[in-house]
Every structure is written in structure tokens, then in C-alpha cells.
Amino acid sequence: MMLLPGAAHIQAQHKFIIRGNISGLNNEMKVKLVYAIPHATYVDSTVTRQGKFELTGTISTPTKATLSLQSMDFQVFYICAGETTITGRDLQTAEIKGGQGQVDWLLLKSLLKPVDDSMAYYSKKIMEYNNANNREAAKALYPKMSSTRMEGEKWKKNSLNQTVTPMFLWIC
């Protein structure tokens, strides 16, 4: 058997379909899907019809993606082979169900929520202090923010192996 150069790097492509139903949409709106794989970024879009939309494509492994409606309504999720469903009143709070990569992503997000909430709090306070020209107060929060970030990274390093599937560890 003869192998072509680079053939060992070719992975099987799997079809995915994303079906959405955003009940809060009365008008047609553009839905944009953005995801990246090594050496390429893919952008696809469609228009909602009575809040419903569908996007299809191929991927070789579960892939982190962002789905957006206009600029402020978006959600990050994992595209997996097969069907992914998105249902809700708006995209940001919609429930996204799909393959094991999405299940693991939701678990990881829930486990890191306390760290993410702390980071969001410190970011908001720093922005408020900077907007009020109180640079010293903002500067005082940077060590706390850094410590929180390090706590999250330490947790990920020490705990991920016990909470998510090996495939998810490989793709993160």
C-alpha cells in the first residue's frame, strides 16, 4: 500500500446540521455561524423564517463555534457530528443540545461559573473605576483578578481529566 504525502493528516469529515427555533423573533434576521479549524476559519449564515433556521456543514472533530444574531445576541457552543438543536426565546439564553462535545462544554461552563462570575465582577469594577478616572482603585483590583484567573487555570489543569471525556480534553 502506498501513502501519499500528508495523507496521514487527513481525518474523516462528518456532517452536522444545526436546527434552531428562536421563538422571540418575529422578523427575518441573519444568523451567523463562525468556527475555526487549524489553518481556516469558516463563516456561514442564513436567514430566520418565523424564528426558525438551519445550517449544515462538515467537521472532522467537535469544534468550538459562535452563533450570532446581530451583534449582541450570541452563544458559544460545540458543533458535533449529527444534529444540534437550539431552542429558546433569544439566542443568548437558548438551550443548545448536541453531541458529547456540547455536553462536556456545558459541564465545563457550569464548573467554572464561580471563577467566570468573579472575573466578570472584577472586569466590571475595573471599567467603572477607569471611567470615573479612579486609576488607583482599578489598579488595586488587578492582583485579585490575576489570582482568580490563576485559580481557574489551576482548577482546569488539575480537575478536567475527572470531569469531561478524553475527546474533549484533546479538542480544547
N, C-alpha and C. Protein backbone atom coordinates (compact mmCIF):
# COMPACT_ATOMS: atom_id res chain seq x y z
N MET A 1 0.84 -1.17 0.00
CA MET A 1 0.00 0.00 0.00
C MET A 1 0.89 1.24 0.00
N MET A 2 0.56 2.21 -0.82
CA MET A 2 1.35 3.42 -0.94
C MET A 2 0.60 4.58 -0.27
N LEU A 3 1.27 5.35 0.57
CA LEU A 3 0.65 6.51 1.20
C LEU A 3 1.11 7.78 0.50
N LEU A 4 0.19 8.68 0.31
CA LEU A 4 0.52 9.96 -0.28
C LEU A 4 1.05 10.88 0.81
N PRO A 5 1.95 11.79 0.47
CA PRO A 5 2.43 12.74 1.47
C PRO A 5 1.26 13.51 2.07
N GLY A 6 1.24 13.60 3.39
CA GLY A 6 0.17 14.33 4.07
C GLY A 6 -1.08 13.51 4.28
N ALA A 7 -1.18 12.32 3.73
CA ALA A 7 -2.39 11.53 3.85
C ALA A 7 -2.67 11.13 5.29
N ALA A 8 -1.63 11.01 6.09
CA ALA A 8 -1.82 10.62 7.48
C ALA A 8 -2.56 11.70 8.26
N HIS A 9 -2.54 12.93 7.78
CA HIS A 9 -3.19 14.03 8.48
C HIS A 9 -4.64 14.20 8.08
N ILE A 10 -5.10 13.50 7.08
CA ILE A 10 -6.47 13.63 6.63
C ILE A 10 -7.38 12.89 7.61
N GLN A 11 -8.40 13.59 8.10
CA GLN A 11 -9.35 12.99 9.00
C GLN A 11 -10.70 12.90 8.31
N ALA A 12 -11.46 11.91 8.70
CA ALA A 12 -12.79 11.75 8.12
C ALA A 12 -13.64 12.96 8.43
N GLN A 13 -14.41 13.38 7.48
CA GLN A 13 -15.33 14.50 7.65
C GLN A 13 -16.71 13.96 8.01
N HIS A 14 -17.34 14.63 8.97
CA HIS A 14 -18.66 14.21 9.42
C HIS A 14 -19.64 15.36 9.21
N LYS A 15 -20.83 15.02 8.77
CA LYS A 15 -21.85 16.04 8.53
C LYS A 15 -22.46 16.50 9.85
N PHE A 16 -22.76 17.78 9.89
CA PHE A 16 -23.52 18.32 11.02
C PHE A 16 -24.69 19.13 10.48
N ILE A 17 -25.72 19.20 11.29
CA ILE A 17 -26.87 20.04 10.97
C ILE A 17 -27.27 20.76 12.25
N ILE A 18 -27.47 22.05 12.14
CA ILE A 18 -27.90 22.87 13.27
C ILE A 18 -29.30 23.36 12.95
N ARG A 19 -30.25 23.00 13.80
CA ARG A 19 -31.63 23.42 13.63
C ARG A 19 -32.00 24.32 14.80
N GLY A 20 -32.44 25.53 14.49
CA GLY A 20 -32.78 26.47 15.53
C GLY A 20 -34.21 26.92 15.46
N ASN A 21 -34.74 27.26 16.64
CA ASN A 21 -36.07 27.83 16.75
C ASN A 21 -36.04 28.87 17.86
N ILE A 22 -35.91 30.13 17.47
CA ILE A 22 -35.85 31.24 18.42
C ILE A 22 -37.22 31.91 18.41
N SER A 23 -38.01 31.58 19.42
CA SER A 23 -39.42 31.99 19.44
C SER A 23 -39.62 33.49 19.55
N GLY A 24 -38.65 34.23 20.04
CA GLY A 24 -38.79 35.67 20.21
C GLY A 24 -38.58 36.47 18.94
N LEU A 25 -38.31 35.80 17.83
CA LEU A 25 -38.06 36.52 16.57
C LEU A 25 -39.32 36.56 15.72
N ASN A 26 -39.77 37.76 15.42
CA ASN A 26 -40.92 37.90 14.54
C ASN A 26 -40.48 38.26 13.13
N ASN A 27 -39.38 38.99 13.02
CA ASN A 27 -38.87 39.42 11.72
C ASN A 27 -37.77 38.47 11.25
N GLU A 28 -37.55 38.48 9.96
CA GLU A 28 -36.42 37.71 9.43
C GLU A 28 -35.13 38.36 9.90
N MET A 29 -34.19 37.53 10.36
CA MET A 29 -32.90 38.03 10.81
C MET A 29 -31.81 37.12 10.30
N LYS A 30 -30.63 37.69 10.12
CA LYS A 30 -29.47 36.92 9.68
C LYS A 30 -28.86 36.20 10.88
N VAL A 31 -28.62 34.91 10.74
CA VAL A 31 -27.95 34.10 11.75
C VAL A 31 -26.58 33.78 11.18
N LYS A 32 -25.52 34.03 11.98
CA LYS A 32 -24.16 33.79 11.50
C LYS A 32 -23.49 32.74 12.38
N LEU A 33 -22.86 31.76 11.74
CA LEU A 33 -22.10 30.72 12.40
C LEU A 33 -20.63 30.92 12.05
N VAL A 34 -19.77 30.97 13.08
CA VAL A 34 -18.33 31.12 12.85
C VAL A 34 -17.62 30.03 13.65
N TYR A 35 -16.74 29.30 12.97
CA TYR A 35 -15.92 28.29 13.66
C TYR A 35 -14.60 28.16 12.93
N ALA A 36 -13.61 27.71 13.68
CA ALA A 36 -12.26 27.61 13.12
C ALA A 36 -11.72 26.20 13.31
N ILE A 37 -10.96 25.78 12.34
CA ILE A 37 -10.17 24.56 12.44
C ILE A 37 -8.75 24.99 12.08
N PRO A 38 -7.77 24.18 12.36
CA PRO A 38 -6.41 24.63 12.03
C PRO A 38 -6.30 25.12 10.58
N HIS A 39 -5.76 26.30 10.44
CA HIS A 39 -5.46 26.91 9.15
C HIS A 39 -6.68 27.44 8.40
N ALA A 40 -7.86 27.48 9.03
CA ALA A 40 -9.03 28.01 8.32
C ALA A 40 -10.11 28.46 9.31
N THR A 41 -10.80 29.53 8.95
CA THR A 41 -11.97 29.98 9.69
C THR A 41 -13.15 29.91 8.74
N TYR A 42 -14.25 29.35 9.23
CA TYR A 42 -15.44 29.21 8.41
C TYR A 42 -16.52 30.14 8.93
N VAL A 43 -17.20 30.79 7.99
CA VAL A 43 -18.32 31.65 8.30
C VAL A 43 -19.47 31.22 7.40
N ASP A 44 -20.60 30.94 8.01
CA ASP A 44 -21.79 30.58 7.26
C ASP A 44 -22.95 31.38 7.82
N SER A 45 -23.96 31.59 7.02
CA SER A 45 -25.11 32.34 7.52
C SER A 45 -26.37 31.90 6.79
N THR A 46 -27.48 32.24 7.41
CA THR A 46 -28.78 32.00 6.82
C THR A 46 -29.73 33.04 7.41
N VAL A 47 -30.96 33.03 6.97
CA VAL A 47 -31.96 33.97 7.45
C VAL A 47 -33.05 33.18 8.17
N THR A 48 -33.48 33.71 9.32
CA THR A 48 -34.55 33.05 10.06
C THR A 48 -35.88 33.24 9.33
N ARG A 49 -36.73 32.28 9.47
CA ARG A 49 -38.10 32.37 8.94
C ARG A 49 -39.01 31.97 10.10
N GLN A 50 -39.73 32.96 10.62
CA GLN A 50 -40.58 32.76 11.81
C GLN A 50 -39.76 32.18 12.96
N GLY A 51 -38.53 32.65 13.10
CA GLY A 51 -37.66 32.24 14.19
C GLY A 51 -36.89 30.95 13.94
N LYS A 52 -37.17 30.29 12.83
CA LYS A 52 -36.52 29.00 12.55
C LYS A 52 -35.39 29.18 11.54
N PHE A 53 -34.35 28.35 11.72
CA PHE A 53 -33.23 28.37 10.78
C PHE A 53 -32.53 27.02 10.78
N GLU A 54 -31.70 26.83 9.76
CA GLU A 54 -30.95 25.58 9.62
C GLU A 54 -29.62 25.88 8.94
N LEU A 55 -28.55 25.29 9.49
CA LEU A 55 -27.22 25.41 8.91
C LEU A 55 -26.62 24.01 8.83
N THR A 56 -25.87 23.74 7.78
CA THR A 56 -25.24 22.43 7.63
C THR A 56 -23.78 22.60 7.22
N GLY A 57 -23.01 21.55 7.43
CA GLY A 57 -21.61 21.57 7.04
C GLY A 57 -20.93 20.27 7.41
N THR A 58 -19.61 20.27 7.37
CA THR A 58 -18.84 19.10 7.76
C THR A 58 -17.70 19.52 8.68
N ILE A 59 -17.37 18.64 9.61
CA ILE A 59 -16.27 18.82 10.54
C ILE A 59 -15.59 17.48 10.74
N SER A 60 -14.36 17.48 11.21
CA SER A 60 -13.67 16.22 11.48
C SER A 60 -13.71 15.87 12.96
N THR A 61 -13.79 16.87 13.83
CA THR A 61 -13.88 16.65 15.28
C THR A 61 -14.85 17.67 15.85
N PRO A 62 -15.34 17.46 17.07
CA PRO A 62 -16.17 18.50 17.69
C PRO A 62 -15.40 19.82 17.66
N THR A 63 -16.12 20.89 17.34
CA THR A 63 -15.47 22.17 17.07
C THR A 63 -16.19 23.30 17.78
N LYS A 64 -15.42 24.13 18.48
CA LYS A 64 -15.98 25.29 19.17
C LYS A 64 -16.46 26.30 18.13
N ALA A 65 -17.66 26.85 18.35
CA ALA A 65 -18.24 27.76 17.38
C ALA A 65 -19.01 28.87 18.09
N THR A 66 -19.29 29.93 17.35
CA THR A 66 -20.14 31.01 17.85
C THR A 66 -21.28 31.19 16.87
N LEU A 67 -22.48 31.25 17.40
CA LEU A 67 -23.68 31.51 16.61
C LEU A 67 -24.20 32.86 17.05
N SER A 68 -24.49 33.74 16.11
CA SER A 68 -24.93 35.09 16.49
C SER A 68 -26.10 35.58 15.66
N LEU A 69 -26.90 36.40 16.31
CA LEU A 69 -27.97 37.18 15.69
C LEU A 69 -27.61 38.63 15.95
N GLN A 70 -27.33 39.38 14.93
CA GLN A 70 -26.84 40.74 15.08
C GLN A 70 -25.59 40.71 15.95
N SER A 71 -25.30 41.76 16.68
CA SER A 71 -24.01 41.77 17.37
C SER A 71 -24.09 41.38 18.84
N MET A 72 -25.18 41.60 19.51
CA MET A 72 -25.23 41.38 20.95
C MET A 72 -25.87 40.06 21.36
N ASP A 73 -26.54 39.39 20.49
CA ASP A 73 -27.21 38.14 20.82
C ASP A 73 -26.42 36.99 20.21
N PHE A 74 -25.65 36.30 21.06
CA PHE A 74 -24.81 35.22 20.56
C PHE A 74 -24.63 34.17 21.64
N GLN A 75 -24.11 33.01 21.24
CA GLN A 75 -23.77 31.97 22.19
C GLN A 75 -22.65 31.11 21.60
N VAL A 76 -21.70 30.73 22.47
CA VAL A 76 -20.62 29.84 22.10
C VAL A 76 -21.07 28.42 22.43
N PHE A 77 -20.74 27.47 21.56
CA PHE A 77 -21.13 26.08 21.77
C PHE A 77 -20.18 25.19 20.98
N TYR A 78 -20.40 23.88 21.05
CA TYR A 78 -19.59 22.93 20.28
C TYR A 78 -20.44 22.27 19.22
N ILE A 79 -20.00 22.37 17.97
CA ILE A 79 -20.63 21.64 16.86
C ILE A 79 -20.08 20.22 16.92
N CYS A 80 -20.97 19.26 16.84
CA CYS A 80 -20.58 17.86 16.79
C CYS A 80 -21.24 17.24 15.56
N ALA A 81 -20.72 16.09 15.14
CA ALA A 81 -21.35 15.38 14.03
C ALA A 81 -22.80 15.08 14.40
N GLY A 82 -23.68 15.10 13.42
CA GLY A 82 -25.08 14.83 13.67
C GLY A 82 -25.86 16.12 13.86
N GLU A 83 -26.94 16.02 14.62
CA GLU A 83 -27.85 17.15 14.78
C GLU A 83 -27.62 17.90 16.09
N THR A 84 -27.66 19.22 15.99
CA THR A 84 -27.64 20.11 17.15
C THR A 84 -28.92 20.92 17.08
N THR A 85 -29.64 21.02 18.22
CA THR A 85 -30.86 21.81 18.25
C THR A 85 -30.68 23.00 19.18
N ILE A 86 -31.27 24.11 18.76
CA ILE A 86 -31.18 25.35 19.52
C ILE A 86 -32.60 25.87 19.68
N THR A 87 -33.04 26.00 20.93
CA THR A 87 -34.40 26.47 21.18
C THR A 87 -34.40 27.47 22.33
N GLY A 88 -35.20 28.51 22.17
CA GLY A 88 -35.33 29.50 23.23
C GLY A 88 -35.95 30.78 22.73
N ARG A 89 -36.11 31.71 23.65
CA ARG A 89 -36.72 32.99 23.32
C ARG A 89 -35.72 33.91 22.61
N ASP A 90 -34.44 33.79 22.98
CA ASP A 90 -33.37 34.52 22.31
C ASP A 90 -32.16 33.60 22.23
N LEU A 91 -31.20 33.96 21.44
CA LEU A 91 -30.05 33.09 21.21
C LEU A 91 -29.14 32.99 22.43
N GLN A 92 -28.94 34.09 23.12
CA GLN A 92 -28.01 34.11 24.25
C GLN A 92 -28.43 33.15 25.36
N THR A 93 -29.72 33.00 25.59
CA THR A 93 -30.20 32.12 26.66
C THR A 93 -30.78 30.81 26.13
N ALA A 94 -30.70 30.59 24.84
CA ALA A 94 -31.29 29.39 24.24
C ALA A 94 -30.60 28.12 24.75
N GLU A 95 -31.35 27.05 24.79
CA GLU A 95 -30.80 25.74 25.14
C GLU A 95 -30.22 25.12 23.88
N ILE A 96 -28.98 24.67 23.97
CA ILE A 96 -28.33 24.04 22.83
C ILE A 96 -28.03 22.60 23.20
N LYS A 97 -28.60 21.69 22.41
CA LYS A 97 -28.38 20.26 22.63
C LYS A 97 -27.71 19.67 21.40
N GLY A 98 -26.66 18.88 21.66
CA GLY A 98 -25.95 18.26 20.55
C GLY A 98 -25.21 17.03 21.03
N GLY A 99 -24.03 16.82 20.50
CA GLY A 99 -23.23 15.64 20.81
C GLY A 99 -22.47 15.78 22.12
N GLN A 100 -21.57 14.82 22.35
CA GLN A 100 -20.82 14.76 23.60
C GLN A 100 -19.95 15.99 23.81
N GLY A 101 -19.42 16.58 22.75
CA GLY A 101 -18.63 17.80 22.90
C GLY A 101 -19.43 18.93 23.52
N GLN A 102 -20.69 19.07 23.14
CA GLN A 102 -21.57 20.10 23.71
C GLN A 102 -21.90 19.76 25.17
N VAL A 103 -22.14 18.48 25.46
CA VAL A 103 -22.42 18.06 26.84
C VAL A 103 -21.23 18.43 27.73
N ASP A 104 -20.03 18.11 27.28
CA ASP A 104 -18.83 18.42 28.05
C ASP A 104 -18.63 19.93 28.20
N TRP A 105 -18.90 20.69 27.14
CA TRP A 105 -18.77 22.14 27.19
C TRP A 105 -19.70 22.73 28.25
N LEU A 106 -20.95 22.26 28.30
CA LEU A 106 -21.90 22.76 29.29
C LEU A 106 -21.45 22.40 30.71
N LEU A 107 -20.92 21.20 30.89
CA LEU A 107 -20.40 20.80 32.19
C LEU A 107 -19.23 21.69 32.60
N LEU A 108 -18.30 21.90 31.68
CA LEU A 108 -17.15 22.74 31.97
C LEU A 108 -17.59 24.16 32.34
N LYS A 109 -18.53 24.74 31.57
CA LYS A 109 -19.03 26.08 31.87
C LYS A 109 -19.65 26.15 33.25
N SER A 110 -20.41 25.12 33.63
CA SER A 110 -21.06 25.14 34.94
C SER A 110 -20.03 25.03 36.06
N LEU A 111 -18.99 24.23 35.86
CA LEU A 111 -17.97 24.07 36.88
C LEU A 111 -17.11 25.33 37.04
N LEU A 112 -16.92 26.05 35.96
CA LEU A 112 -16.09 27.26 36.00
C LEU A 112 -16.91 28.53 36.27
N LYS A 113 -18.22 28.39 36.45
CA LYS A 113 -19.09 29.56 36.64
C LYS A 113 -18.63 30.45 37.80
N PRO A 114 -18.27 29.91 38.96
CA PRO A 114 -17.82 30.81 40.04
C PRO A 114 -16.60 31.64 39.64
N VAL A 115 -15.66 31.04 38.96
CA VAL A 115 -14.47 31.76 38.51
C VAL A 115 -14.86 32.80 37.46
N ASP A 116 -15.68 32.40 36.49
CA ASP A 116 -16.12 33.34 35.45
C ASP A 116 -16.91 34.51 36.03
N ASP A 117 -17.77 34.22 37.03
CA ASP A 117 -18.53 35.29 37.67
C ASP A 117 -17.61 36.26 38.39
N SER A 118 -16.59 35.76 39.07
CA SER A 118 -15.63 36.63 39.75
C SER A 118 -14.87 37.48 38.74
N MET A 119 -14.44 36.86 37.64
CA MET A 119 -13.72 37.61 36.60
C MET A 119 -14.60 38.71 36.03
N ALA A 120 -15.87 38.41 35.79
CA ALA A 120 -16.79 39.40 35.24
C ALA A 120 -16.98 40.56 36.23
N TYR A 121 -17.08 40.23 37.52
CA TYR A 121 -17.24 41.26 38.55
C TYR A 121 -16.03 42.19 38.56
N TYR A 122 -14.82 41.61 38.61
CA TYR A 122 -13.62 42.44 38.64
C TYR A 122 -13.48 43.27 37.37
N SER A 123 -13.79 42.69 36.23
CA SER A 123 -13.73 43.44 34.96
C SER A 123 -14.67 44.63 34.98
N LYS A 124 -15.89 44.40 35.47
CA LYS A 124 -16.89 45.47 35.53
C LYS A 124 -16.43 46.58 36.48
N LYS A 125 -15.92 46.20 37.65
CA LYS A 125 -15.47 47.20 38.62
C LYS A 125 -14.27 48.00 38.08
N ILE A 126 -13.33 47.31 37.44
CA ILE A 126 -12.18 48.00 36.87
C ILE A 126 -12.63 49.00 35.82
N MET A 127 -13.59 48.61 34.97
CA MET A 127 -14.11 49.52 33.95
C MET A 127 -14.79 50.73 34.61
N GLU A 128 -15.57 50.48 35.65
CA GLU A 128 -16.24 51.58 36.34
C GLU A 128 -15.22 52.55 36.95
N TYR A 129 -14.20 51.99 37.62
CA TYR A 129 -13.17 52.84 38.22
C TYR A 129 -12.42 53.64 37.15
N ASN A 130 -12.08 52.98 36.05
CA ASN A 130 -11.37 53.69 34.98
C ASN A 130 -12.23 54.79 34.37
N ASN A 131 -13.53 54.51 34.18
CA ASN A 131 -14.44 55.53 33.63
C ASN A 131 -14.58 56.72 34.58
N ALA A 132 -14.42 56.47 35.88
CA ALA A 132 -14.50 57.54 36.87
C ALA A 132 -13.13 58.16 37.15
N ASN A 133 -12.15 57.82 36.34
CA ASN A 133 -10.78 58.30 36.49
C ASN A 133 -10.18 57.96 37.86
N ASN A 134 -10.58 56.83 38.41
CA ASN A 134 -10.04 56.37 39.68
C ASN A 134 -9.08 55.21 39.38
N ARG A 135 -7.94 55.57 38.81
CA ARG A 135 -6.98 54.58 38.34
C ARG A 135 -6.40 53.74 39.49
N GLU A 136 -6.24 54.36 40.66
CA GLU A 136 -5.67 53.63 41.80
C GLU A 136 -6.59 52.50 42.25
N ALA A 137 -7.89 52.77 42.31
CA ALA A 137 -8.85 51.73 42.70
C ALA A 137 -8.87 50.61 41.66
N ALA A 138 -8.81 50.99 40.39
CA ALA A 138 -8.78 49.98 39.33
C ALA A 138 -7.52 49.14 39.44
N LYS A 139 -6.40 49.81 39.64
CA LYS A 139 -5.11 49.12 39.74
C LYS A 139 -5.09 48.15 40.93
N ALA A 140 -5.77 48.49 42.01
CA ALA A 140 -5.81 47.64 43.19
C ALA A 140 -6.54 46.31 42.93
N LEU A 141 -7.42 46.29 41.93
CA LEU A 141 -8.16 45.06 41.64
C LEU A 141 -7.41 44.10 40.73
N TYR A 142 -6.38 44.57 40.04
CA TYR A 142 -5.66 43.68 39.12
C TYR A 142 -5.07 42.44 39.80
N PRO A 143 -4.45 42.56 40.98
CA PRO A 143 -3.93 41.33 41.63
C PRO A 143 -5.04 40.33 41.97
N LYS A 144 -6.20 40.84 42.38
CA LYS A 144 -7.32 39.94 42.70
C LYS A 144 -7.81 39.23 41.44
N MET A 145 -7.88 39.99 40.34
CA MET A 145 -8.31 39.42 39.08
C MET A 145 -7.30 38.37 38.60
N SER A 146 -6.03 38.69 38.71
CA SER A 146 -4.98 37.75 38.30
C SER A 146 -5.03 36.48 39.15
N SER A 147 -5.23 36.63 40.44
CA SER A 147 -5.32 35.48 41.33
C SER A 147 -6.52 34.60 40.97
N THR A 148 -7.63 35.22 40.66
CA THR A 148 -8.83 34.47 40.26
C THR A 148 -8.58 33.72 38.96
N ARG A 149 -7.93 34.38 38.00
CA ARG A 149 -7.61 33.73 36.73
C ARG A 149 -6.70 32.53 36.96
N MET A 150 -5.69 32.69 37.81
CA MET A 150 -4.77 31.59 38.10
C MET A 150 -5.49 30.45 38.80
N GLU A 151 -6.44 30.77 39.67
CA GLU A 151 -7.24 29.75 40.36
C GLU A 151 -8.03 28.93 39.33
N GLY A 152 -8.62 29.60 38.37
CA GLY A 152 -9.37 28.90 37.32
C GLY A 152 -8.47 28.02 36.48
N GLU A 153 -7.30 28.53 36.10
CA GLU A 153 -6.36 27.74 35.30
C GLU A 153 -5.86 26.53 36.08
N LYS A 154 -5.59 26.73 37.37
CA LYS A 154 -5.14 25.63 38.22
C LYS A 154 -6.22 24.56 38.32
N TRP A 155 -7.47 25.01 38.50
CA TRP A 155 -8.57 24.06 38.59
C TRP A 155 -8.68 23.26 37.29
N LYS A 156 -8.63 23.96 36.15
CA LYS A 156 -8.73 23.26 34.86
C LYS A 156 -7.64 22.21 34.74
N LYS A 157 -6.42 22.60 35.06
CA LYS A 157 -5.28 21.69 34.92
C LYS A 157 -5.44 20.46 35.81
N ASN A 158 -5.91 20.64 37.03
CA ASN A 158 -5.99 19.54 37.99
C ASN A 158 -7.29 18.74 37.93
N SER A 159 -8.35 19.32 37.40
CA SER A 159 -9.66 18.67 37.51
C SER A 159 -10.29 18.21 36.21
N LEU A 160 -9.87 18.75 35.09
CA LEU A 160 -10.54 18.41 33.83
C LEU A 160 -10.54 16.92 33.53
N ASN A 161 -9.46 16.24 33.81
CA ASN A 161 -9.38 14.82 33.50
C ASN A 161 -10.49 14.02 34.17
N GLN A 162 -11.02 14.51 35.28
CA GLN A 162 -12.03 13.77 36.02
C GLN A 162 -13.45 14.21 35.68
N THR A 163 -13.61 15.28 34.89
CA THR A 163 -14.95 15.80 34.68
C THR A 163 -15.46 15.74 33.25
N VAL A 164 -14.57 15.67 32.29
CA VAL A 164 -15.02 15.65 30.90
C VAL A 164 -14.38 14.46 30.17
N THR A 165 -14.91 14.15 29.01
CA THR A 165 -14.42 13.00 28.26
C THR A 165 -13.03 13.25 27.69
N PRO A 166 -12.26 12.20 27.46
CA PRO A 166 -10.92 12.38 26.88
C PRO A 166 -10.94 13.12 25.55
N MET A 167 -11.95 12.91 24.72
CA MET A 167 -12.03 13.59 23.42
C MET A 167 -12.11 15.10 23.63
N PHE A 168 -12.86 15.55 24.64
CA PHE A 168 -12.99 16.98 24.89
C PHE A 168 -11.65 17.57 25.30
N LEU A 169 -10.90 16.84 26.13
CA LEU A 169 -9.57 17.31 26.53
C LEU A 169 -8.68 17.49 25.30
N TRP A 170 -8.83 16.62 24.36
CA TRP A 170 -7.99 16.66 23.15
C TRP A 170 -8.33 17.88 22.29
N ILE A 171 -9.62 18.24 22.22
CA ILE A 171 -10.02 19.33 21.33
C ILE A 171 -9.92 20.70 21.97
N CYS A 172 -9.83 20.78 23.30
CA CYS A 172 -9.76 22.09 23.98
C CYS A 172 -8.40 22.72 23.83
